[in-house]
Protein backbone atom coordinates (compact mmCIF):
# COMPACT_ATOMS: atom_id res chain seq x y z
CA MET A 1 -0.34 16.73 -11.44
CA VAL A 2 -4.00 17.41 -12.02
CA PHE A 3 -6.36 15.64 -14.40
CA SER A 4 -6.36 18.69 -16.67
CA SER A 5 -2.59 18.80 -17.25
CA PHE A 6 -0.35 17.66 -20.09
CA ALA A 7 1.73 15.52 -17.70
CA PHE A 8 -1.35 13.59 -16.59
CA ILE A 9 -3.02 13.23 -19.99
CA PHE A 10 0.00 12.37 -22.12
CA ILE A 11 2.34 10.63 -19.66
CA PHE A 12 0.77 9.34 -16.45
CA LEU A 13 -2.61 8.13 -17.72
CA PRO A 14 -1.31 6.22 -20.79
CA CYS A 15 1.38 4.54 -18.67
CA ALA A 16 -1.15 3.60 -15.97
CA LEU A 17 -3.58 2.14 -18.50
CA LEU A 18 -0.92 0.24 -20.46
CA GLY A 19 0.72 -1.20 -17.37
CA PHE A 20 -2.58 -2.28 -15.83
CA TYR A 21 -4.02 -3.91 -18.96
CA ILE A 22 -0.75 -5.59 -19.96
CA LEU A 23 -0.50 -7.25 -16.54
CA LYS A 24 -4.17 -8.17 -16.67
CA SER A 25 -3.78 -9.72 -20.15
CA LEU A 26 -0.93 -11.85 -18.82
CA LYS A 27 -3.24 -12.98 -15.99
CA PHE A 28 -0.94 -11.43 -13.37
CA TYR A 29 -3.98 -10.21 -11.47
CA GLN A 30 -2.32 -9.57 -8.13
CA PHE A 31 0.50 -7.69 -9.85
CA ALA A 32 -2.10 -5.66 -11.76
CA LYS A 33 -3.58 -4.52 -8.45
CA ILE A 34 -0.13 -3.80 -7.01
CA PHE A 35 0.74 -1.81 -10.14
CA LEU A 36 -2.45 0.26 -9.80
CA VAL A 37 -1.67 0.95 -6.14
CA GLY A 38 1.88 1.98 -7.08
CA ALA A 39 0.62 4.25 -9.85
CA SER A 40 -1.80 5.88 -7.41
CA PHE A 41 1.02 6.56 -4.94
CA VAL A 42 3.13 8.06 -7.74
CA PHE A 43 0.17 10.27 -8.67
CA TYR A 44 -0.16 11.38 -5.04
CA ALA A 45 3.58 11.93 -4.61
CA TYR A 46 3.74 14.26 -7.61
CA TRP A 47 2.68 17.26 -5.50
CA LYS A 48 5.05 16.59 -2.61
CA PHE A 49 6.87 13.35 -1.91
CA GLU A 50 6.45 13.71 1.87
CA TYR A 51 2.68 13.38 1.46
CA VAL A 52 3.09 9.69 0.62
CA PHE A 53 4.44 8.81 4.07
CA ILE A 54 1.43 10.43 5.78
CA LEU A 55 -0.99 8.62 3.47
CA LEU A 56 0.80 5.29 3.96
CA PHE A 57 0.94 5.78 7.73
CA SER A 58 -2.81 6.43 7.81
CA ILE A 59 -3.49 3.37 5.66
CA VAL A 60 -1.33 1.03 7.77
CA VAL A 61 -2.81 2.18 11.09
CA ASN A 62 -6.40 1.97 9.86
CA PHE A 63 -5.77 -1.40 8.22
CA SER A 64 -4.44 -2.76 11.52
CA ILE A 65 -7.32 -1.34 13.55
CA ALA A 66 -9.89 -2.72 11.07
CA ASN A 67 -8.47 -6.22 11.43
CA MET A 68 -8.52 -5.91 15.21
CA ILE A 69 -12.18 -4.87 15.08
CA LEU A 70 -13.07 -7.81 12.81
CA SER A 71 -11.12 -10.17 15.04
CA LYS A 72 -13.45 -9.20 17.91
CA ARG A 73 -10.68 -8.02 20.18
CA GLY A 74 -12.97 -5.55 21.88
CA GLY A 75 -15.23 -2.71 20.84
CA VAL A 76 -12.72 -0.20 22.14
CA PHE A 77 -10.79 -0.34 18.85
CA ILE A 78 -13.53 1.47 16.94
CA TYR A 79 -13.10 4.42 19.32
CA ILE A 80 -9.33 4.27 18.98
CA GLY A 81 -9.69 4.28 15.20
CA VAL A 82 -12.07 7.24 15.07
CA ILE A 83 -9.99 9.24 17.55
CA PHE A 84 -6.81 8.48 15.61
CA ASN A 85 -8.31 9.68 12.32
CA LEU A 86 -9.84 12.83 13.78
CA ALA A 87 -6.61 13.60 15.63
CA LEU A 88 -4.57 13.16 12.45
CA LEU A 89 -6.94 15.42 10.53
CA GLY A 90 -7.08 17.97 13.33
CA PHE A 91 -3.30 18.11 13.78
CA PHE A 92 -2.47 18.76 10.14
CA LYS A 93 -5.48 20.86 9.19
CA TYR A 94 -6.43 22.91 12.25
CA THR A 95 -3.33 23.34 14.48
CA ASP A 96 -2.25 26.65 12.96
CA PHE A 97 -5.82 27.99 12.96
CA LEU A 98 -6.37 27.11 16.64
CA LEU A 99 -3.01 28.53 17.74
CA GLU A 100 -3.54 31.70 15.74
CA ASN A 101 -6.87 32.30 17.47
CA PHE A 102 -5.40 31.41 20.86
CA ASN A 103 -2.70 34.03 20.33
CA LEU A 104 -5.33 36.57 19.29
CA PHE A 105 -7.34 35.81 22.44
CA SER A 106 -4.18 36.21 24.54
CA LYS A 107 -3.64 39.68 23.13
CA LEU A 108 -7.25 40.68 23.77
CA VAL A 109 -7.00 39.73 27.47
CA ASN A 110 -3.51 41.30 27.77
CA LEU A 111 -1.65 38.06 28.36
CA ASP A 112 2.05 38.29 27.59
CA PHE A 113 2.06 34.83 26.02
CA GLU A 114 2.22 33.76 22.40
CA ILE A 115 2.78 30.35 20.83
CA PRO A 116 4.75 30.42 17.54
CA LEU A 117 2.79 28.98 14.63
CA PRO A 118 4.36 25.73 13.38
CA HIS A 119 2.99 26.24 9.83
CA ILE A 120 2.29 22.53 9.49
CA LEU A 121 2.19 21.14 5.97
CA LEU A 122 -1.38 20.21 4.98
CA PRO A 123 -1.32 16.81 3.26
CA LEU A 124 -3.29 16.76 0.05
CA ALA A 125 -6.74 15.12 0.29
CA ILE A 126 -6.41 14.31 4.00
CA SER A 127 -10.06 15.28 4.59
CA PHE A 128 -11.22 12.78 1.98
CA PHE A 129 -9.14 9.72 2.84
CA THR A 130 -9.70 10.32 6.57
CA PHE A 131 -13.51 10.28 6.25
CA GLN A 132 -13.32 7.30 3.91
CA GLN A 133 -11.39 5.31 6.49
CA ILE A 134 -13.64 6.35 9.37
CA ALA A 135 -16.60 5.05 7.37
CA PHE A 136 -14.76 1.79 6.76
CA LEU A 137 -13.95 1.28 10.46
CA VAL A 138 -17.56 1.96 11.46
CA ASP A 139 -18.78 -0.53 8.85
CA CYS A 140 -16.31 -3.12 10.17
CA HIS A 141 -17.59 -2.52 13.69
CA LYS A 142 -21.20 -3.06 12.55
CA LYS A 143 -20.29 -6.32 10.86
CA ALA A 144 -17.93 -7.66 13.54
CA ASN A 145 -20.55 -9.98 15.01
CA ASP A 146 -21.99 -11.23 11.72
CA ALA A 147 -21.84 -14.98 11.27
CA ASP A 148 -20.54 -14.55 7.75
CA LEU A 149 -17.39 -12.98 9.14
CA GLU A 150 -16.45 -15.81 11.47
CA ASN A 151 -13.77 -17.02 9.08
CA LYS A 152 -13.04 -13.74 7.35
CA HIS A 153 -11.20 -11.74 9.97
CA ARG A 154 -8.42 -10.59 7.67
CA ILE A 155 -8.54 -7.90 5.01
CA ASP A 156 -6.12 -8.13 2.10
CA PHE A 157 -3.60 -5.27 2.44
CA VAL A 158 -3.27 -4.68 -1.30
CA ASP A 159 -7.05 -4.54 -1.66
CA TYR A 160 -7.27 -2.04 1.16
CA CYS A 161 -4.49 0.14 -0.31
CA LEU A 162 -6.28 0.13 -3.66
CA PHE A 163 -9.59 1.04 -1.99
CA ILE A 164 -8.04 4.10 -0.32
CA SER A 165 -5.52 5.23 -2.93
CA PHE A 166 -7.28 4.57 -6.29
CA PHE A 167 -6.15 7.76 -8.01
CA PRO A 168 -9.38 8.82 -9.82
CA GLN A 169 -11.08 9.39 -6.45
CA LEU A 170 -8.09 9.93 -4.14
CA ILE A 171 -7.67 13.71 -4.18
CA ALA A 172 -11.19 15.16 -4.07
CA GLY A 173 -13.59 12.24 -3.81
CA PRO A 174 -16.08 10.82 -4.18
CA ILE A 175 -15.92 9.41 -0.65
CA VAL A 176 -16.52 5.75 -1.46
CA HIS A 177 -17.55 2.73 0.63
CA HIS A 178 -15.53 -0.48 0.76
CA LYS A 179 -18.66 -2.50 -0.04
CA GLU A 180 -19.23 -0.62 -3.33
CA MET A 181 -15.62 -0.69 -4.52
CA MET A 182 -14.01 -4.00 -3.57
CA PRO A 183 -16.56 -6.22 -5.36
CA GLN A 184 -15.79 -4.22 -8.50
CA PHE A 185 -12.03 -4.66 -8.09
CA HIS A 186 -12.48 -8.41 -7.56
CA ALA A 187 -14.78 -8.73 -10.57
CA LEU A 188 -12.41 -6.69 -12.71
CA LEU A 189 -9.47 -8.96 -11.98
CA ASN A 190 -11.27 -12.14 -12.93
CA ALA A 191 -10.09 -14.54 -15.61
CA LYS A 192 -13.66 -15.02 -16.85
CA LYS A 193 -14.15 -11.32 -17.56
CA GLU A 194 -13.23 -9.69 -20.87
CA LEU A 195 -9.87 -7.92 -20.90
CA VAL A 196 -11.26 -4.45 -21.72
CA ASN A 197 -14.83 -3.27 -21.30
CA TRP A 198 -14.96 -1.18 -24.46
CA GLU A 199 -18.38 0.26 -23.71
CA LEU A 200 -17.17 1.64 -20.38
CA MET A 201 -13.99 2.84 -22.08
CA ALA A 202 -16.05 4.82 -24.62
CA ARG A 203 -18.30 6.21 -21.90
CA GLY A 204 -15.21 7.15 -19.92
CA LEU A 205 -13.74 9.17 -22.77
CA PHE A 206 -17.13 10.86 -23.32
CA ILE A 207 -17.59 11.88 -19.67
CA PHE A 208 -13.91 12.75 -19.21
CA ALA A 209 -14.02 15.10 -22.23
CA ILE A 210 -17.12 16.88 -20.87
CA GLY A 211 -15.57 17.27 -17.42
CA PHE A 212 -12.30 18.45 -18.95
CA PHE A 213 -14.21 21.13 -20.91
CA LYS A 214 -16.10 22.26 -17.80
CA LYS A 215 -12.85 22.67 -15.90
CA ILE A 216 -10.43 24.11 -18.42
CA TYR A 217 -12.74 26.21 -20.58
CA ILE A 218 -15.57 27.31 -18.28
CA ALA A 219 -14.37 27.17 -14.66
CA ASP A 220 -10.87 28.52 -15.33
CA SER A 221 -12.31 31.35 -17.45
CA PHE A 222 -14.59 32.43 -14.60
CA ALA A 223 -11.63 32.10 -12.21
CA VAL A 224 -9.84 35.03 -13.89
CA TRP A 225 -12.67 37.47 -13.09
CA ALA A 226 -13.50 35.98 -9.70
CA ASN A 227 -9.90 36.08 -8.50
CA ALA A 228 -9.45 39.66 -9.72
CA GLY A 229 -12.58 40.82 -7.89
CA PHE A 230 -11.74 39.07 -4.63
CA ARG A 231 -8.19 40.44 -4.80
CA VAL A 232 -9.59 43.97 -4.76
CA VAL A 233 -11.89 43.50 -1.75
CA GLU A 234 -9.38 41.41 0.19
CA ASN A 235 -6.95 44.33 -0.06
CA GLY A 236 -9.47 46.62 1.65
CA GLU A 237 -10.93 48.28 -1.43
CA PHE A 238 -14.41 48.23 -2.97
CA LEU A 239 -16.00 47.42 -6.32
CA ASN A 240 -18.89 49.10 -8.07
CA ILE A 241 -22.19 47.28 -7.72
CA ILE A 242 -21.99 45.55 -11.13
CA GLU A 243 -18.38 44.42 -10.57
CA ALA A 244 -19.37 43.08 -7.15
CA TRP A 245 -22.29 40.98 -8.42
CA VAL A 246 -20.27 39.76 -11.38
CA THR A 247 -17.43 38.78 -9.02
CA SER A 248 -19.75 36.76 -6.75
CA LEU A 249 -21.52 35.07 -9.69
CA CYS A 250 -18.21 34.29 -11.40
CA TYR A 251 -17.00 32.47 -8.29
CA THR A 252 -20.35 30.71 -7.89
CA PHE A 253 -20.05 29.36 -11.44
CA GLN A 254 -16.30 28.75 -11.20
CA LEU A 255 -16.86 26.50 -8.18
CA TYR A 256 -19.82 24.77 -9.84
CA PHE A 257 -18.03 23.88 -13.08
CA ASP A 258 -14.72 23.20 -11.32
CA PHE A 259 -16.20 20.61 -8.95
CA SER A 260 -18.65 19.27 -11.52
CA GLY A 261 -15.79 18.95 -14.00
CA TYR A 262 -13.65 17.10 -11.46
CA CYS A 263 -16.50 14.69 -10.64
CA ASP A 264 -17.04 13.95 -14.35
CA MET A 265 -13.33 13.40 -14.97
CA ALA A 266 -13.07 11.11 -11.94
CA ILE A 267 -16.01 9.02 -13.15
CA GLY A 268 -14.54 8.91 -16.66
CA LEU A 269 -11.17 7.76 -15.33
CA GLY A 270 -12.87 5.07 -13.29
CA PHE A 271 -14.60 3.84 -16.46
CA PHE A 272 -11.19 3.56 -18.18
CA PHE A 273 -10.28 0.90 -15.60
CA GLY A 274 -13.72 -0.72 -15.63
CA ILE A 275 -14.74 0.83 -12.30
CA VAL A 276 -18.01 2.68 -11.70
CA LEU A 277 -17.62 5.45 -9.09
CA PRO A 278 -20.71 6.80 -7.29
CA ILE A 279 -22.42 9.97 -8.48
CA ASN A 280 -21.18 12.99 -6.52
CA PHE A 281 -22.82 15.96 -8.26
CA ASN A 282 -26.33 16.34 -9.65
CA SER A 283 -27.26 19.86 -10.88
CA PRO A 284 -27.34 21.49 -7.40
CA TYR A 285 -28.18 24.96 -8.73
CA LYS A 286 -31.57 23.63 -9.82
CA SER A 287 -32.49 23.19 -6.16
CA LEU A 288 -35.65 24.81 -4.82
CA ASN A 289 -34.50 24.70 -1.20
CA ILE A 290 -31.31 24.31 0.79
CA THR A 291 -32.05 20.71 1.78
CA ASP A 292 -32.34 19.71 -1.87
CA PHE A 293 -29.09 21.57 -2.58
CA TRP A 294 -27.24 19.33 -0.12
CA ARG A 295 -28.77 16.23 -1.71
CA ARG A 296 -27.22 17.31 -5.01
CA TRP A 297 -23.91 18.95 -4.03
CA HIS A 298 -21.02 16.71 -2.92
CA ILE A 299 -23.44 13.82 -2.59
CA THR A 300 -20.99 11.35 -1.03
CA LEU A 301 -19.97 13.84 1.70
CA GLY A 302 -23.65 14.32 2.49
CA ARG A 303 -24.08 10.55 2.53
CA PHE A 304 -21.19 10.18 4.97
CA LEU A 305 -22.50 12.89 7.30
CA LYS A 306 -26.00 11.42 7.19
CA GLU A 307 -25.00 7.78 7.81
CA TYR A 308 -22.19 8.33 10.32
CA LEU A 309 -23.29 11.48 12.15
CA TYR A 310 -26.89 12.58 11.55
CA ILE A 311 -28.54 9.15 11.99
CA PRO A 312 -26.39 8.10 15.02
CA LEU A 313 -27.34 11.44 16.66
CA GLY A 314 -30.97 10.46 16.24
CA GLY A 315 -31.79 11.88 12.83
CA ASN A 316 -35.47 12.86 12.77
CA ARG A 317 -36.59 10.03 15.07
CA LEU A 318 -36.36 11.81 18.44
CA GLY A 319 -38.67 14.76 17.92
CA LYS A 320 -38.53 18.07 16.09
CA ILE A 321 -36.18 19.89 18.47
CA ILE A 322 -33.57 17.11 18.38
CA ASN A 323 -33.97 16.96 14.60
CA LEU A 324 -33.18 20.69 14.31
CA ARG A 325 -30.19 20.26 16.62
CA ASN A 326 -28.86 17.41 14.47
CA LEU A 327 -29.24 19.45 11.29
CA PHE A 328 -27.31 22.30 12.89
CA ILE A 329 -24.46 20.04 14.02
CA VAL A 330 -24.12 18.38 10.61
CA ALA A 331 -24.12 21.70 8.71
CA ILE A 332 -21.59 23.44 10.95
CA LEU A 333 -19.26 20.42 10.90
CA SER A 334 -19.52 20.37 7.10
CA GLY A 335 -18.26 23.96 7.08
CA ILE A 336 -15.38 23.19 9.43
CA TRP A 337 -14.48 20.07 7.39
CA HIS A 338 -13.98 22.23 4.30
CA GLY A 339 -11.26 24.37 5.81
CA ALA A 340 -9.56 25.96 8.81
CA GLY A 341 -10.76 29.55 8.77
CA TRP A 342 -13.54 31.76 10.09
CA GLY A 343 -14.94 32.09 6.58
CA PHE A 344 -15.67 28.36 6.52
CA VAL A 345 -17.19 28.54 10.01
CA ILE A 346 -19.49 31.39 8.95
CA TRP A 347 -20.37 29.55 5.74
CA GLY A 348 -21.27 26.48 7.79
CA LEU A 349 -23.32 28.58 10.23
CA LEU A 350 -25.23 30.22 7.38
CA HIS A 351 -26.11 26.82 5.94
CA ALA A 352 -26.97 25.50 9.41
CA PHE A 353 -29.47 28.30 10.05
CA ALA A 354 -30.84 27.94 6.51
CA MET A 355 -31.36 24.18 7.04
CA ILE A 356 -33.13 24.82 10.35
CA LEU A 357 -35.38 27.54 8.91
CA HIS A 358 -36.27 25.35 5.95
CA ARG A 359 -37.08 22.38 8.19
CA ILE A 360 -39.30 24.55 10.41
CA TYR A 361 -40.99 25.92 7.29
CA SER A 362 -41.45 22.35 6.01
CA PHE A 363 -43.24 21.37 9.22
CA TRP A 364 -45.78 24.12 8.52
CA ALA A 365 -46.01 23.87 4.71
CA GLU A 366 -46.17 20.10 4.35
CA GLY A 367 -49.05 19.02 2.10
CA ARG A 368 -50.16 22.54 1.12
CA LYS A 369 -51.26 23.04 -2.48
CA PHE A 370 -49.18 26.17 -3.21
CA LEU A 371 -45.99 24.07 -3.10
CA GLU A 372 -46.81 22.84 -6.62
CA ASN A 373 -47.49 26.33 -7.96
CA LYS A 374 -45.06 27.37 -10.73
CA SER A 375 -44.67 30.93 -9.43
CA TYR A 376 -43.89 29.57 -5.98
CA LYS A 377 -41.19 27.28 -7.42
CA ILE A 378 -39.57 30.19 -9.28
CA LEU A 379 -39.51 32.26 -6.10
CA ALA A 380 -38.13 29.31 -4.12
CA TRP A 381 -35.35 28.82 -6.68
CA PHE A 382 -34.54 32.55 -6.70
CA LEU A 383 -34.21 32.71 -2.91
CA THR A 384 -32.22 29.46 -2.72
CA PHE A 385 -29.78 30.39 -5.47
CA ASN A 386 -29.11 33.87 -4.09
CA PHE A 387 -28.57 32.51 -0.60
CA ILE A 388 -26.05 30.00 -1.99
CA ASN A 389 -24.35 32.73 -4.03
CA ILE A 390 -23.98 35.03 -1.02
CA ALA A 391 -22.82 32.23 1.29
CA TRP A 392 -20.08 31.25 -1.19
CA ILE A 393 -18.50 34.68 -0.60
CA PHE A 394 -17.42 33.64 2.91
CA PHE A 395 -16.31 30.26 1.52
CA ARG A 396 -14.02 31.96 -1.02
CA SER A 397 -12.67 35.10 0.61
CA GLU A 398 -9.24 34.74 2.19
CA ASN A 399 -10.19 37.18 4.95
CA LEU A 400 -13.44 38.30 6.53
CA GLN A 401 -12.87 41.92 5.61
CA GLY A 402 -12.81 40.95 1.95
CA ALA A 403 -16.17 39.16 2.28
CA ILE A 404 -17.71 42.16 4.07
CA ASN A 405 -16.33 44.60 1.48
CA LEU A 406 -17.79 42.53 -1.35
CA LEU A 407 -21.20 42.36 0.34
CA LYS A 408 -21.14 46.12 0.94
CA SER A 409 -20.33 46.65 -2.73
CA MET A 410 -23.09 44.27 -3.87
CA PHE A 411 -25.82 45.92 -1.80
CA GLY A 412 -24.80 49.55 -2.25
CA VAL A 413 -23.69 50.15 1.35
CA VAL A 414 -20.71 51.97 -0.16
CA TRP A 415 -21.00 53.97 -3.34
CA VAL A 416 -18.45 53.48 -6.08
CA GLU A 417 -19.30 55.56 -9.14
CA LEU A 418 -20.02 53.67 -12.35
CA PRO A 419 -18.23 54.76 -15.51
CA PHE A 420 -20.19 57.03 -17.82
CA LYS A 421 -22.48 55.17 -20.26
CA TRP A 422 -21.86 51.87 -18.51
CA TYR A 423 -24.72 50.29 -20.38
CA SER A 424 -22.95 50.66 -23.73
CA ARG A 425 -19.34 50.18 -22.59
CA LEU A 426 -19.59 47.29 -20.16
CA ALA A 427 -15.86 46.58 -20.32
CA TYR A 428 -15.20 49.94 -18.64
CA THR A 429 -17.74 49.14 -15.94
CA LEU A 430 -15.96 45.83 -15.19
CA GLU A 431 -12.46 47.28 -15.53
CA GLY A 432 -11.73 46.67 -11.83
CA ILE A 433 -11.97 42.90 -12.30
CA GLY A 434 -10.56 42.67 -15.82
CA GLY A 435 -13.99 42.05 -17.29
CA ARG A 436 -14.86 42.20 -20.98
CA ASN A 437 -17.92 43.16 -22.98
CA ASP A 438 -18.92 39.49 -23.17
CA THR A 439 -18.52 38.72 -19.45
CA LEU A 440 -22.27 38.96 -18.83
CA ILE A 441 -22.87 36.69 -21.82
CA PHE A 442 -20.66 34.06 -20.16
CA ILE A 443 -22.75 34.36 -16.98
CA ILE A 444 -26.02 34.01 -18.91
CA VAL A 445 -24.68 30.94 -20.73
CA ALA A 446 -23.61 29.48 -17.38
CA PHE A 447 -27.16 29.90 -16.06
CA VAL A 448 -28.50 28.11 -19.13
CA LEU A 449 -26.01 25.24 -18.75
CA CYS A 450 -26.84 24.83 -15.05
CA LEU A 451 -30.61 25.18 -15.25
CA VAL A 452 -31.71 24.05 -18.71
CA CYS A 453 -29.20 21.65 -20.26
CA LYS A 454 -28.93 17.96 -19.40
CA ASN A 455 -26.29 17.19 -16.80
CA SER A 456 -23.56 14.56 -17.08
CA ILE A 457 -25.69 11.89 -15.40
CA GLU A 458 -28.40 12.27 -18.04
CA LEU A 459 -25.88 12.46 -20.87
CA ASN A 460 -24.20 9.28 -19.64
CA LYS A 461 -27.54 7.44 -19.51
CA ASN A 462 -28.33 8.50 -23.09
CA PHE A 463 -24.81 7.79 -24.39
CA THR A 464 -24.66 6.13 -27.80
CA PRO A 465 -21.28 5.27 -29.38
CA ASN A 466 -21.75 6.57 -32.92
CA LYS A 467 -20.07 8.94 -35.39
CA LYS A 468 -21.90 11.97 -34.04
CA THR A 469 -20.65 11.25 -30.51
CA MET A 470 -17.14 10.62 -31.81
CA ILE A 471 -17.08 14.01 -33.59
CA PHE A 472 -18.47 15.73 -30.48
CA VAL A 473 -15.83 14.20 -28.19
CA SER A 474 -13.03 14.94 -30.68
CA LEU A 475 -14.05 18.61 -30.91
CA LEU A 476 -14.25 18.90 -27.14
CA LEU A 477 -10.81 17.38 -26.65
CA MET A 478 -9.31 19.64 -29.32
CA ILE A 479 -10.83 22.75 -27.70
CA ASN A 480 -9.64 21.56 -24.29
CA LEU A 481 -6.04 21.06 -25.38
CA PHE A 482 -5.83 24.41 -27.17
CA THR A 483 -7.40 26.11 -24.14
CA LEU A 484 -4.96 24.35 -21.81
CA VAL A 485 -2.12 26.07 -23.64
CA ALA A 486 -3.76 29.52 -23.57
CA ILE A 487 -5.16 29.74 -20.00
CA PRO A 488 -2.89 29.77 -16.92
CA TYR A 489 -2.78 26.61 -14.81
CA VAL A 490 -5.48 26.52 -12.10
CA GLU A 491 -5.82 23.67 -9.58
CA PHE A 492 -9.18 22.12 -8.79
CA ILE A 493 -10.68 24.09 -5.91
CA TYR A 494 -11.51 20.99 -3.83
CA PHE A 495 -7.84 19.95 -3.89
CA ASN A 496 -7.43 22.47 -1.05
CA PHE A 497 -9.76 20.58 1.29
C-alpha cells in the first residue's frame, strides 16, 4: 500500500495509531515499540510477503555486525559489514543488468556463450535501508573506542528494528541516522512525557494533506501526459516539438511533486507518532547551479554520500584535481544507486560533468561582483533548470532510443508537422500525448508553485492551528479523496529505487 491509498488512510494508519497510543497509555512502552515494528513489517509485506524475509535478514546480520564492532572484536568487521551490504544490494539490484550486458558483449565479440537472466526479484526500498545500515555500521566503528561505550556494547534489537523499519521513512527515505532517531524513540516512550503531542499531531495532518495533494492531484496529473509522451518515443516514434517539450516538462514536474509529496507525507506521518524526520527536499528547482540543486534534492542521500564517501575520499582537502575526481565519483555513483540501467549511468555522468564544470567555474568566479547581478542569476537559473530537465529524460526513459528520440523531437532534429492553427487549438497540437487546452496552464502553475510559493518547510515553520488552517486542510483532504477516486493509481516514483 502507498500513503496515498484508501487502504493506508482508512485501515492501516488508524490501526497503527490506535494500537501504538493505547499501549503507550497503558504504560506498556516496550510493547508499544514492538507493535510499531510489527506494523512497519506489515506495511512492508503488503507489496510482497517475501520482501519481509530479505529485510529481516539484512537487519539481523547488520545488528550482529554492529555489536561485534562495538565489542571491539577487531576492525575487520566494519569491512565485512560494508561488503555484505553492498553485495546484497548488488545481487538483487544489478545482477540482471550486468548479465544482460555481458551477454551483449559476448555477441559483439562472436562468443557462443550466453548466461540466462535469473530475473531476480528487486526487494522494495533495498537501496534505502542498505545505505542506512552502512551509515550505522560506520558510525559504530567511529565510536568503538570511545570511553562512553565501555559499558554499552549491546544495542537493543527492538530499537534497531524500529530504527530501520519505521514505516514513514522505510520505503523511500529519508535516510536517517541512528543518533537522530533513537533519542526521539526513547523520549517518546517515557512516562514523564504527555501521551499525545497535539501540536505535532496538528502539524502532521497539515503537512500530510499538502503532500497528499502534491502527489495525487499534481504529480499524478502530470504523469498521464508524461507517460503518454515517453510511450511514443520509446516505441521508436517521434513527437512534434511542442509535444516533446511538454512531455519533458511534465515528467520534470511529476517527479518534483511526486518526491516532494512523499517527503511531506513521510514527515507528517512521523509527526503523528511524535517523531521529527529530517528535511529531505527544499525547493530544488530554485537552484542557480547544479551544486545547489544537490543540496536541495534528496538531501539525506547527499548527506550520506558526502559523509561516507566524499569526505573519506579527501573531499576538497587534497587539492583541486582530487576534489574534481571526488565530485565525479560521488555523482556517478548517485546515478548508479538510483537504478540498474544505462539511462541512470548517463544521467549520473551528465551530473558528474556538470558538477566538475561548475566547480572549475567556481574556482575562477569566486568573489566576482557579477555573481550578485540579478540578470546573471536569472541566466544561471535558466541554464540550471534546463540542464536538469534534459538530464531527467535519461532518468525516465525505459530505453536509450526513447531518450534520443525525445531529444531529437525537442530540438527539431526531426520534423513532425504541427497541426494547422496550433496556436488556437492547442489540444490538437498535443494530441499525441493526450494533452488538453489547459495543459500549458498546468505547467505555468507548476512553475509558480516551484519558484514563487512557500515550500513545505516554510509553511510548517509558520503553521498556526486556527479555523483558517482547519478549513484549508479540510478542503485539501476532500479534494484529495475525490481525486483519488477519479485518477488511476500511480506509485511513488522513488519506490522503484
